[in-house]
Amino acid sequence: MGYDEKIYQNPMDFDGFRFVKSNLAKSNNTNNEEASSFVDTSDTWHFFGHGKVTCPGRFYSSTLMKLVAVHILSTYDMEIVDKAAPRSKMWRTTNNPSKDVRVIFRPKA
């Protein structure tokens, strides 16, 4: 679903701001539609399930992931050891980080 061209423009290209742009467009609209967020569910976004099987802990996990990311980014400098190594591998419909990529974490000075 994440690679469906009917849903996402250029789905195979990495676009770190793909959802940020759509959220900004929705938040500036005049149709009173709310901008989407990471914890929303829909027929095209099943990250936390959808309908009766929607994960009730999605708000907690979303907040926790953001806190962990902020801690890592504010505490460490990171560097990829082999910059030419493949960084991800496809498995079924997901693009997963490669276990072969080595990253050095150094405490910030």
N, C-alpha and C. Protein backbone atom coordinates (compact mmCIF):
# COMPACT_ATOMS: atom_id res chain seq x y z
N MET A 1 0.81 -1.18 0.00
CA MET A 1 0.00 0.00 0.00
C MET A 1 0.87 1.26 0.00
N GLY A 2 1.97 1.24 0.72
CA GLY A 2 2.85 2.40 0.77
C GLY A 2 3.55 2.68 -0.54
N TYR A 3 3.51 1.72 -1.46
CA TYR A 3 4.16 1.90 -2.75
C TYR A 3 3.13 1.98 -3.89
N ASP A 4 1.89 2.26 -3.55
CA ASP A 4 0.82 2.34 -4.55
C ASP A 4 0.82 3.74 -5.18
N GLU A 5 1.06 3.79 -6.48
CA GLU A 5 1.11 5.07 -7.19
C GLU A 5 -0.24 5.77 -7.24
N LYS A 6 -1.32 5.03 -7.00
CA LYS A 6 -2.64 5.66 -6.95
C LYS A 6 -2.80 6.48 -5.68
N ILE A 7 -2.04 6.12 -4.66
CA ILE A 7 -2.15 6.80 -3.37
C ILE A 7 -1.04 7.83 -3.18
N TYR A 8 0.20 7.46 -3.53
CA TYR A 8 1.36 8.33 -3.31
C TYR A 8 2.06 8.63 -4.62
N GLN A 9 2.37 9.89 -4.85
CA GLN A 9 3.12 10.28 -6.04
C GLN A 9 4.58 9.85 -5.86
N ASN A 10 5.15 9.21 -6.87
CA ASN A 10 6.53 8.70 -6.83
C ASN A 10 6.79 7.89 -5.55
N PRO A 11 6.05 6.80 -5.33
CA PRO A 11 6.16 6.08 -4.07
C PRO A 11 7.52 5.42 -3.82
N MET A 12 8.28 5.13 -4.87
CA MET A 12 9.58 4.48 -4.68
C MET A 12 10.69 5.47 -4.37
N ASP A 13 10.42 6.76 -4.49
CA ASP A 13 11.42 7.79 -4.18
C ASP A 13 11.28 8.20 -2.73
N PHE A 14 12.41 8.32 -2.03
CA PHE A 14 12.37 8.78 -0.65
C PHE A 14 12.05 10.26 -0.63
N ASP A 15 11.06 10.62 0.15
CA ASP A 15 10.70 12.01 0.35
C ASP A 15 10.41 12.18 1.84
N GLY A 16 11.39 12.65 2.57
CA GLY A 16 11.25 12.80 4.01
C GLY A 16 10.16 13.77 4.43
N PHE A 17 9.72 14.61 3.51
CA PHE A 17 8.68 15.59 3.81
C PHE A 17 7.35 15.26 3.13
N ARG A 18 7.20 14.02 2.65
CA ARG A 18 5.98 13.62 1.94
C ARG A 18 4.72 13.94 2.75
N PHE A 19 4.72 13.59 4.02
CA PHE A 19 3.52 13.79 4.83
C PHE A 19 3.49 15.18 5.46
N VAL A 20 4.64 15.79 5.65
CA VAL A 20 4.68 17.15 6.17
C VAL A 20 4.00 18.09 5.20
N LYS A 21 4.31 17.94 3.90
CA LYS A 21 3.72 18.81 2.88
C LYS A 21 2.20 18.64 2.85
N SER A 22 1.72 17.41 2.93
CA SER A 22 0.27 17.21 2.89
C SER A 22 -0.39 17.76 4.15
N ASN A 23 0.30 17.66 5.29
CA ASN A 23 -0.25 18.22 6.53
C ASN A 23 -0.32 19.73 6.46
N LEU A 24 0.71 20.36 5.91
CA LEU A 24 0.69 21.81 5.78
C LEU A 24 -0.42 22.25 4.85
N ALA A 25 -0.60 21.54 3.76
CA ALA A 25 -1.67 21.88 2.82
C ALA A 25 -3.03 21.73 3.48
N LYS A 26 -3.21 20.64 4.25
CA LYS A 26 -4.49 20.43 4.91
C LYS A 26 -4.74 21.45 6.01
N SER A 27 -3.68 21.85 6.75
CA SER A 27 -3.87 22.80 7.84
C SER A 27 -4.14 24.21 7.33
N ASN A 28 -3.80 24.49 6.07
CA ASN A 28 -4.05 25.81 5.49
C ASN A 28 -5.29 25.83 4.61
N ASN A 29 -6.08 24.76 4.63
CA ASN A 29 -7.24 24.71 3.73
C ASN A 29 -8.41 25.49 4.30
N THR A 30 -9.41 25.68 3.48
CA THR A 30 -10.60 26.43 3.90
C THR A 30 -11.81 25.53 4.05
N ASN A 31 -11.61 24.20 3.93
CA ASN A 31 -12.73 23.25 4.02
C ASN A 31 -12.93 22.71 5.42
N ASN A 32 -12.25 23.28 6.40
CA ASN A 32 -12.33 22.84 7.80
C ASN A 32 -11.92 21.39 7.99
N GLU A 33 -11.09 20.87 7.10
CA GLU A 33 -10.54 19.53 7.29
C GLU A 33 -9.32 19.64 8.19
N GLU A 34 -9.19 18.72 9.13
CA GLU A 34 -8.03 18.74 10.01
C GLU A 34 -6.83 18.11 9.32
N ALA A 35 -5.65 18.59 9.65
CA ALA A 35 -4.44 17.97 9.13
C ALA A 35 -4.30 16.58 9.73
N SER A 36 -3.74 15.66 8.97
CA SER A 36 -3.58 14.30 9.49
C SER A 36 -2.37 14.25 10.41
N SER A 37 -2.35 13.24 11.25
CA SER A 37 -1.19 13.06 12.13
C SER A 37 -0.74 11.62 12.06
N PHE A 38 0.39 11.34 12.66
CA PHE A 38 0.99 10.01 12.64
C PHE A 38 0.05 8.95 13.20
N VAL A 39 -0.77 9.30 14.17
CA VAL A 39 -1.63 8.32 14.84
C VAL A 39 -2.99 8.15 14.18
N ASP A 40 -3.27 8.91 13.11
CA ASP A 40 -4.53 8.75 12.40
C ASP A 40 -4.56 7.40 11.69
N THR A 41 -5.75 6.90 11.44
CA THR A 41 -5.91 5.69 10.65
C THR A 41 -6.86 5.98 9.49
N SER A 42 -6.71 5.23 8.43
CA SER A 42 -7.60 5.38 7.28
C SER A 42 -7.51 4.13 6.43
N ASP A 43 -8.26 4.12 5.34
CA ASP A 43 -8.20 2.99 4.42
C ASP A 43 -6.85 2.87 3.73
N THR A 44 -6.06 3.94 3.72
CA THR A 44 -4.76 3.91 3.05
C THR A 44 -3.59 4.01 4.02
N TRP A 45 -3.83 4.10 5.31
CA TRP A 45 -2.76 4.22 6.31
C TRP A 45 -3.06 3.26 7.44
N HIS A 46 -2.46 2.06 7.38
CA HIS A 46 -2.76 0.99 8.35
C HIS A 46 -1.67 0.78 9.37
N PHE A 47 -0.85 1.76 9.60
CA PHE A 47 0.30 1.57 10.49
C PHE A 47 -0.13 1.08 11.87
N PHE A 48 -1.21 1.60 12.39
CA PHE A 48 -1.71 1.19 13.71
C PHE A 48 -3.03 0.42 13.60
N GLY A 49 -3.26 -0.21 12.46
CA GLY A 49 -4.52 -0.90 12.23
C GLY A 49 -5.58 0.10 11.80
N HIS A 50 -6.81 -0.38 11.69
CA HIS A 50 -7.90 0.50 11.27
C HIS A 50 -9.23 -0.09 11.70
N GLY A 51 -10.18 0.75 11.97
CA GLY A 51 -11.51 0.29 12.37
C GLY A 51 -11.50 -0.31 13.77
N LYS A 52 -12.14 -1.47 13.92
CA LYS A 52 -12.26 -2.10 15.24
C LYS A 52 -10.93 -2.57 15.80
N VAL A 53 -9.92 -2.74 14.95
CA VAL A 53 -8.63 -3.25 15.42
C VAL A 53 -7.57 -2.14 15.52
N THR A 54 -7.99 -0.90 15.62
CA THR A 54 -7.05 0.21 15.77
C THR A 54 -6.37 0.11 17.13
N CYS A 55 -5.06 0.26 17.16
CA CYS A 55 -4.28 0.12 18.38
C CYS A 55 -4.59 1.25 19.37
N PRO A 56 -5.03 0.93 20.58
CA PRO A 56 -5.31 1.99 21.55
C PRO A 56 -4.04 2.62 22.12
N GLY A 57 -2.89 1.96 21.97
CA GLY A 57 -1.64 2.49 22.49
C GLY A 57 -0.87 3.34 21.49
N ARG A 58 -1.49 3.69 20.36
CA ARG A 58 -0.77 4.41 19.31
C ARG A 58 -0.34 5.80 19.75
N PHE A 59 -1.10 6.45 20.63
CA PHE A 59 -0.73 7.78 21.10
C PHE A 59 0.51 7.71 21.99
N TYR A 60 0.54 6.71 22.88
CA TYR A 60 1.69 6.49 23.75
C TYR A 60 2.94 6.16 22.92
N SER A 61 2.82 5.22 21.99
CA SER A 61 3.98 4.81 21.20
C SER A 61 4.49 5.95 20.32
N SER A 62 3.59 6.77 19.79
CA SER A 62 3.99 7.91 18.98
C SER A 62 4.80 8.90 19.81
N THR A 63 4.33 9.19 20.99
CA THR A 63 5.04 10.12 21.89
C THR A 63 6.38 9.54 22.30
N LEU A 64 6.41 8.26 22.62
CA LEU A 64 7.65 7.61 23.04
C LEU A 64 8.69 7.61 21.92
N MET A 65 8.27 7.32 20.69
CA MET A 65 9.21 7.33 19.55
C MET A 65 9.80 8.73 19.36
N LYS A 66 8.97 9.75 19.51
CA LYS A 66 9.46 11.13 19.36
C LYS A 66 10.46 11.48 20.47
N LEU A 67 10.17 11.06 21.70
CA LEU A 67 11.08 11.34 22.81
C LEU A 67 12.42 10.63 22.63
N VAL A 68 12.39 9.39 22.17
CA VAL A 68 13.63 8.64 21.93
C VAL A 68 14.43 9.31 20.82
N ALA A 69 13.77 9.72 19.74
CA ALA A 69 14.46 10.39 18.63
C ALA A 69 15.09 11.70 19.10
N VAL A 70 14.37 12.49 19.88
CA VAL A 70 14.92 13.75 20.40
C VAL A 70 16.12 13.48 21.28
N HIS A 71 16.03 12.48 22.15
CA HIS A 71 17.16 12.15 23.03
C HIS A 71 18.39 11.75 22.23
N ILE A 72 18.22 10.87 21.26
CA ILE A 72 19.36 10.42 20.46
C ILE A 72 19.97 11.58 19.68
N LEU A 73 19.13 12.37 19.02
CA LEU A 73 19.63 13.47 18.20
C LEU A 73 20.28 14.58 19.02
N SER A 74 19.82 14.79 20.24
CA SER A 74 20.40 15.86 21.06
C SER A 74 21.59 15.39 21.88
N THR A 75 21.80 14.07 22.03
CA THR A 75 22.85 13.54 22.88
C THR A 75 24.06 13.03 22.08
N TYR A 76 23.84 12.56 20.86
CA TYR A 76 24.90 11.90 20.11
C TYR A 76 25.13 12.52 18.73
N ASP A 77 26.39 12.45 18.30
CA ASP A 77 26.74 12.68 16.90
C ASP A 77 26.83 11.30 16.28
N MET A 78 26.28 11.13 15.09
CA MET A 78 26.24 9.83 14.45
C MET A 78 26.93 9.88 13.11
N GLU A 79 27.56 8.76 12.75
CA GLU A 79 28.26 8.67 11.48
C GLU A 79 28.14 7.25 10.95
N ILE A 80 27.79 7.11 9.68
CA ILE A 80 27.73 5.80 9.05
C ILE A 80 29.14 5.39 8.67
N VAL A 81 29.55 4.17 9.06
CA VAL A 81 30.91 3.70 8.82
C VAL A 81 31.17 3.52 7.33
N ASP A 82 30.36 2.72 6.66
CA ASP A 82 30.54 2.47 5.23
C ASP A 82 29.43 3.20 4.47
N LYS A 83 29.75 4.37 3.96
CA LYS A 83 28.74 5.20 3.31
C LYS A 83 28.21 4.59 2.02
N ALA A 84 28.91 3.61 1.45
CA ALA A 84 28.47 2.98 0.20
C ALA A 84 27.60 1.74 0.45
N ALA A 85 27.51 1.29 1.68
CA ALA A 85 26.72 0.08 1.99
C ALA A 85 25.24 0.34 1.76
N PRO A 86 24.51 -0.68 1.28
CA PRO A 86 23.05 -0.50 1.12
C PRO A 86 22.42 -0.24 2.48
N ARG A 87 21.60 0.77 2.56
CA ARG A 87 21.03 1.18 3.85
C ARG A 87 19.70 0.53 4.18
N SER A 88 19.06 -0.05 3.19
CA SER A 88 17.77 -0.68 3.47
C SER A 88 17.56 -1.89 2.57
N LYS A 89 16.62 -2.72 3.00
CA LYS A 89 16.26 -3.92 2.24
C LYS A 89 14.73 -4.02 2.21
N MET A 90 14.22 -4.41 1.05
CA MET A 90 12.78 -4.60 0.92
C MET A 90 12.40 -5.98 1.43
N TRP A 91 11.35 -6.05 2.21
CA TRP A 91 10.77 -7.31 2.64
C TRP A 91 9.26 -7.17 2.50
N ARG A 92 8.70 -7.95 1.58
CA ARG A 92 7.28 -7.86 1.24
C ARG A 92 6.95 -6.42 0.85
N THR A 93 6.16 -5.72 1.65
CA THR A 93 5.81 -4.34 1.28
C THR A 93 6.47 -3.30 2.16
N THR A 94 7.46 -3.71 2.95
CA THR A 94 8.12 -2.75 3.83
C THR A 94 9.58 -2.56 3.45
N ASN A 95 10.05 -1.38 3.67
CA ASN A 95 11.44 -1.03 3.43
C ASN A 95 12.11 -0.95 4.79
N ASN A 96 12.94 -1.93 5.12
CA ASN A 96 13.54 -2.05 6.45
C ASN A 96 15.00 -1.65 6.44
N PRO A 97 15.48 -1.09 7.54
CA PRO A 97 16.91 -0.77 7.63
C PRO A 97 17.74 -2.04 7.50
N SER A 98 18.84 -1.95 6.83
CA SER A 98 19.72 -3.10 6.66
C SER A 98 20.47 -3.37 7.96
N LYS A 99 20.55 -4.61 8.34
CA LYS A 99 21.28 -4.97 9.57
C LYS A 99 22.79 -4.86 9.37
N ASP A 100 23.23 -4.73 8.13
CA ASP A 100 24.66 -4.65 7.83
C ASP A 100 25.24 -3.24 7.95
N VAL A 101 24.39 -2.24 8.06
CA VAL A 101 24.87 -0.86 8.18
C VAL A 101 25.36 -0.63 9.61
N ARG A 102 26.56 -0.13 9.72
CA ARG A 102 27.14 0.18 11.03
C ARG A 102 27.18 1.68 11.23
N VAL A 103 26.72 2.10 12.40
CA VAL A 103 26.67 3.53 12.73
C VAL A 103 27.47 3.74 14.01
N ILE A 104 28.30 4.77 14.01
CA ILE A 104 29.07 5.12 15.20
C ILE A 104 28.31 6.22 15.93
N PHE A 105 28.05 6.00 17.20
CA PHE A 105 27.43 7.00 18.06
C PHE A 105 28.49 7.56 18.99
N ARG A 106 28.70 8.87 18.93
CA ARG A 106 29.66 9.52 19.83
C ARG A 106 28.92 10.55 20.65
N PRO A 107 29.17 10.58 21.97
CA PRO A 107 28.51 11.61 22.77
C PRO A 107 28.90 13.00 22.28
N LYS A 108 27.92 13.90 22.24
CA LYS A 108 28.23 15.27 21.82
C LYS A 108 29.10 15.94 22.89
N ALA A 109 30.00 16.76 22.41
CA ALA A 109 30.93 17.44 23.34
C ALA A 109 30.26 18.59 24.04
